[in-house]
N, C-alpha and C. Protein backbone atom coordinates (compact mmCIF):
# COMPACT_ATOMS: atom_id res chain seq x y z
N GLY A 1 26.08 -1.03 -1.89
CA GLY A 1 26.16 -0.60 -0.53
C GLY A 1 25.32 -1.47 0.39
N PRO A 2 25.22 -1.08 1.62
CA PRO A 2 24.47 -1.86 2.61
C PRO A 2 22.98 -1.99 2.25
N ALA A 3 22.39 -0.95 1.71
CA ALA A 3 20.97 -1.01 1.34
C ALA A 3 20.75 -2.04 0.24
N THR A 4 21.65 -2.08 -0.71
CA THR A 4 21.55 -3.05 -1.80
C THR A 4 21.65 -4.47 -1.27
N ARG A 5 22.61 -4.72 -0.39
CA ARG A 5 22.77 -6.06 0.19
C ARG A 5 21.53 -6.47 0.97
N ALA A 6 20.97 -5.55 1.73
CA ALA A 6 19.76 -5.85 2.51
C ALA A 6 18.58 -6.17 1.58
N LEU A 7 18.44 -5.42 0.50
CA LEU A 7 17.35 -5.66 -0.44
C LEU A 7 17.50 -7.02 -1.13
N LEU A 8 18.71 -7.37 -1.50
CA LEU A 8 18.93 -8.66 -2.14
C LEU A 8 18.61 -9.80 -1.19
N ALA A 9 18.89 -9.63 0.10
CA ALA A 9 18.61 -10.66 1.09
C ALA A 9 17.11 -10.87 1.30
N LEU A 10 16.31 -9.88 0.95
CA LEU A 10 14.86 -9.96 1.18
C LEU A 10 14.09 -10.59 0.02
N ARG A 11 14.76 -11.05 -0.99
CA ARG A 11 14.06 -11.55 -2.18
C ARG A 11 13.10 -12.69 -1.88
N GLU A 12 13.43 -13.51 -0.89
CA GLU A 12 12.57 -14.64 -0.54
C GLU A 12 11.73 -14.37 0.70
N ASP A 13 11.83 -13.20 1.26
CA ASP A 13 11.13 -12.85 2.50
C ASP A 13 9.73 -12.31 2.17
N ALA A 14 8.74 -12.73 2.92
CA ALA A 14 7.36 -12.28 2.69
C ALA A 14 7.22 -10.77 2.90
N ARG A 15 8.12 -10.17 3.67
CA ARG A 15 8.06 -8.72 3.91
C ARG A 15 8.70 -7.92 2.80
N GLY A 16 9.26 -8.59 1.81
CA GLY A 16 9.99 -7.90 0.75
C GLY A 16 9.17 -6.85 0.02
N LEU A 17 7.92 -7.14 -0.22
CA LEU A 17 7.05 -6.21 -0.94
C LEU A 17 6.90 -4.90 -0.16
N GLU A 18 6.69 -5.00 1.13
CA GLU A 18 6.52 -3.82 1.96
C GLU A 18 7.83 -3.04 2.10
N VAL A 19 8.93 -3.76 2.26
CA VAL A 19 10.23 -3.09 2.37
C VAL A 19 10.55 -2.37 1.07
N ALA A 20 10.30 -3.03 -0.05
CA ALA A 20 10.57 -2.40 -1.36
C ALA A 20 9.74 -1.14 -1.52
N ARG A 21 8.47 -1.20 -1.13
CA ARG A 21 7.59 -0.03 -1.23
C ARG A 21 8.17 1.12 -0.41
N ASP A 22 8.66 0.82 0.77
CA ASP A 22 9.23 1.85 1.63
C ASP A 22 10.48 2.46 1.01
N VAL A 23 11.36 1.62 0.48
CA VAL A 23 12.59 2.11 -0.14
C VAL A 23 12.26 2.99 -1.35
N LEU A 24 11.30 2.55 -2.15
CA LEU A 24 10.93 3.32 -3.35
C LEU A 24 10.36 4.69 -2.99
N SER A 25 9.70 4.78 -1.86
CA SER A 25 9.10 6.06 -1.49
C SER A 25 10.07 6.99 -0.78
N ARG A 26 11.19 6.45 -0.27
CA ARG A 26 12.09 7.29 0.54
C ARG A 26 13.50 7.47 0.01
N SER A 27 14.00 6.47 -0.70
CA SER A 27 15.41 6.50 -1.09
C SER A 27 15.64 7.35 -2.34
N ARG A 28 16.78 7.96 -2.40
CA ARG A 28 17.21 8.69 -3.59
C ARG A 28 18.44 8.02 -4.22
N ASP A 29 18.86 6.90 -3.64
CA ASP A 29 20.01 6.16 -4.15
C ASP A 29 19.55 5.29 -5.32
N ASP A 30 20.08 5.56 -6.52
CA ASP A 30 19.62 4.88 -7.72
C ASP A 30 19.83 3.37 -7.67
N GLU A 31 20.96 2.93 -7.14
CA GLU A 31 21.22 1.49 -7.06
C GLU A 31 20.23 0.82 -6.10
N ALA A 32 19.97 1.44 -4.96
CA ALA A 32 18.99 0.88 -4.01
C ALA A 32 17.61 0.86 -4.64
N ARG A 33 17.25 1.92 -5.37
CA ARG A 33 15.93 1.95 -6.00
C ARG A 33 15.83 0.89 -7.09
N PHE A 34 16.89 0.65 -7.83
CA PHE A 34 16.90 -0.40 -8.84
C PHE A 34 16.59 -1.75 -8.20
N HIS A 35 17.28 -2.06 -7.10
CA HIS A 35 17.06 -3.34 -6.43
C HIS A 35 15.69 -3.39 -5.76
N ALA A 36 15.20 -2.25 -5.30
CA ALA A 36 13.85 -2.21 -4.73
C ALA A 36 12.79 -2.46 -5.80
N VAL A 37 13.00 -1.94 -7.01
CA VAL A 37 12.08 -2.23 -8.12
C VAL A 37 12.06 -3.74 -8.38
N ALA A 38 13.23 -4.35 -8.44
CA ALA A 38 13.30 -5.80 -8.68
C ALA A 38 12.63 -6.58 -7.56
N LEU A 39 12.88 -6.18 -6.33
CA LEU A 39 12.27 -6.84 -5.18
C LEU A 39 10.75 -6.69 -5.21
N PHE A 40 10.28 -5.49 -5.50
CA PHE A 40 8.84 -5.25 -5.55
C PHE A 40 8.20 -6.05 -6.68
N ARG A 41 8.80 -5.99 -7.86
CA ARG A 41 8.25 -6.71 -9.01
C ARG A 41 8.18 -8.21 -8.73
N ASP A 42 9.27 -8.78 -8.23
CA ASP A 42 9.30 -10.21 -7.95
C ASP A 42 8.28 -10.59 -6.88
N GLY A 43 8.20 -9.79 -5.82
CA GLY A 43 7.26 -10.07 -4.75
C GLY A 43 5.82 -9.94 -5.21
N ALA A 44 5.52 -8.91 -5.99
CA ALA A 44 4.16 -8.71 -6.47
C ALA A 44 3.74 -9.85 -7.40
N LEU A 45 4.61 -10.22 -8.31
CA LEU A 45 4.27 -11.28 -9.25
C LEU A 45 4.15 -12.63 -8.54
N ARG A 46 5.01 -12.89 -7.57
CA ARG A 46 4.97 -14.14 -6.82
C ARG A 46 3.68 -14.24 -5.99
N ARG A 47 3.22 -13.12 -5.43
CA ARG A 47 2.05 -13.12 -4.56
C ARG A 47 0.77 -12.68 -5.27
N TRP A 48 0.82 -12.43 -6.58
CA TRP A 48 -0.29 -11.85 -7.31
C TRP A 48 -1.61 -12.59 -7.07
N ALA A 49 -1.60 -13.91 -7.13
CA ALA A 49 -2.84 -14.69 -6.99
C ALA A 49 -3.47 -14.51 -5.61
N GLU A 50 -2.67 -14.27 -4.60
CA GLU A 50 -3.22 -14.13 -3.25
C GLU A 50 -3.54 -12.69 -2.87
N LEU A 51 -3.13 -11.73 -3.69
CA LEU A 51 -3.41 -10.33 -3.38
C LEU A 51 -4.87 -10.00 -3.67
N ALA A 52 -5.45 -9.19 -2.80
CA ALA A 52 -6.81 -8.71 -3.03
C ALA A 52 -6.81 -7.77 -4.24
N PRO A 53 -7.93 -7.63 -4.92
CA PRO A 53 -7.97 -6.74 -6.09
C PRO A 53 -7.46 -5.33 -5.80
N GLY A 54 -7.78 -4.77 -4.64
CA GLY A 54 -7.29 -3.44 -4.29
C GLY A 54 -5.79 -3.39 -4.14
N ASP A 55 -5.20 -4.49 -3.61
CA ASP A 55 -3.75 -4.55 -3.47
C ASP A 55 -3.07 -4.67 -4.83
N ARG A 56 -3.69 -5.41 -5.74
CA ARG A 56 -3.15 -5.52 -7.10
C ARG A 56 -3.15 -4.14 -7.76
N THR A 57 -4.25 -3.44 -7.61
CA THR A 57 -4.33 -2.09 -8.17
C THR A 57 -3.28 -1.19 -7.54
N GLY A 58 -3.09 -1.33 -6.23
CA GLY A 58 -2.07 -0.54 -5.53
C GLY A 58 -0.68 -0.81 -6.05
N CYS A 59 -0.39 -2.06 -6.36
CA CYS A 59 0.93 -2.40 -6.92
C CYS A 59 1.13 -1.73 -8.28
N ALA A 60 0.13 -1.84 -9.13
CA ALA A 60 0.23 -1.22 -10.46
C ALA A 60 0.30 0.30 -10.34
N ASP A 61 -0.47 0.87 -9.42
CA ASP A 61 -0.44 2.32 -9.22
C ASP A 61 0.94 2.79 -8.75
N LEU A 62 1.54 2.03 -7.83
CA LEU A 62 2.88 2.39 -7.36
C LEU A 62 3.89 2.35 -8.50
N ALA A 63 3.81 1.30 -9.31
CA ALA A 63 4.74 1.19 -10.44
C ALA A 63 4.58 2.37 -11.39
N LEU A 64 3.34 2.72 -11.70
CA LEU A 64 3.09 3.84 -12.61
C LEU A 64 3.57 5.16 -11.99
N ALA A 65 3.27 5.37 -10.72
CA ALA A 65 3.68 6.61 -10.05
C ALA A 65 5.21 6.73 -9.99
N PHE A 66 5.88 5.62 -9.74
CA PHE A 66 7.34 5.64 -9.68
C PHE A 66 7.91 6.00 -11.05
N CYS A 67 7.39 5.37 -12.10
CA CYS A 67 7.88 5.68 -13.46
C CYS A 67 7.61 7.14 -13.82
N ALA A 68 6.42 7.61 -13.49
CA ALA A 68 6.05 8.99 -13.83
C ALA A 68 6.89 10.01 -13.08
N ALA A 69 7.34 9.66 -11.88
CA ALA A 69 8.09 10.61 -11.05
C ALA A 69 9.58 10.63 -11.37
N LEU A 70 10.05 9.68 -12.17
CA LEU A 70 11.48 9.68 -12.51
C LEU A 70 11.81 10.92 -13.32
N PRO A 71 12.87 11.61 -12.95
CA PRO A 71 13.25 12.80 -13.71
C PRO A 71 13.81 12.41 -15.09
N PRO A 72 13.77 13.33 -16.02
CA PRO A 72 14.28 13.04 -17.37
C PRO A 72 15.75 12.60 -17.38
N ASP A 73 16.50 13.03 -16.37
CA ASP A 73 17.92 12.66 -16.33
C ASP A 73 18.18 11.44 -15.44
N ALA A 74 17.13 10.66 -15.14
CA ALA A 74 17.31 9.44 -14.35
C ALA A 74 18.23 8.49 -15.12
N PRO A 75 19.05 7.73 -14.41
CA PRO A 75 19.94 6.80 -15.10
C PRO A 75 19.15 5.84 -15.98
N PRO A 76 19.60 5.62 -17.19
CA PRO A 76 18.86 4.73 -18.10
C PRO A 76 18.61 3.33 -17.54
N PHE A 77 19.58 2.81 -16.76
CA PHE A 77 19.38 1.47 -16.20
C PHE A 77 18.18 1.44 -15.27
N LEU A 78 17.92 2.52 -14.57
CA LEU A 78 16.78 2.58 -13.65
C LEU A 78 15.48 2.86 -14.41
N ALA A 79 15.51 3.80 -15.32
CA ALA A 79 14.31 4.18 -16.06
C ALA A 79 13.79 3.01 -16.91
N ALA A 80 14.67 2.33 -17.61
CA ALA A 80 14.25 1.22 -18.47
C ALA A 80 13.73 0.06 -17.63
N PHE A 81 14.39 -0.24 -16.53
CA PHE A 81 13.96 -1.33 -15.66
C PHE A 81 12.61 -1.01 -15.03
N ALA A 82 12.41 0.23 -14.61
CA ALA A 82 11.15 0.64 -14.01
C ALA A 82 10.01 0.53 -15.03
N ALA A 83 10.27 0.90 -16.27
CA ALA A 83 9.24 0.79 -17.32
C ALA A 83 8.86 -0.67 -17.55
N ARG A 84 9.85 -1.56 -17.55
CA ARG A 84 9.55 -2.99 -17.70
C ARG A 84 8.77 -3.50 -16.50
N TRP A 85 9.07 -2.98 -15.31
CA TRP A 85 8.36 -3.36 -14.10
C TRP A 85 6.88 -3.00 -14.24
N PHE A 86 6.60 -1.78 -14.67
CA PHE A 86 5.22 -1.37 -14.84
C PHE A 86 4.52 -2.25 -15.87
N ALA A 87 5.19 -2.54 -16.96
CA ALA A 87 4.60 -3.37 -18.02
C ALA A 87 4.30 -4.78 -17.52
N ALA A 88 5.11 -5.30 -16.62
CA ALA A 88 4.91 -6.66 -16.10
C ALA A 88 3.68 -6.74 -15.21
N LEU A 89 3.31 -5.63 -14.57
CA LEU A 89 2.14 -5.65 -13.69
C LEU A 89 0.90 -5.31 -14.47
């Protein structure tokens, strides 16, 4: 959908990390959340060296909170990808 296309377009944008954080906190669309996880992971890893220690912790905390909040019936494609995202951070 439109949200997915917008998220994919932000992969190289410096604002991608913030947009992904917003989508993850507000969206209930599994496909949009999947792409937001990818956008957040890629942005965090790309900017990791320049992030302040508190921001790094915030990224890891968000990943953990997102994984913990997924319901047991979350689509496997989203749950597995989110778990790998947390492990990468």
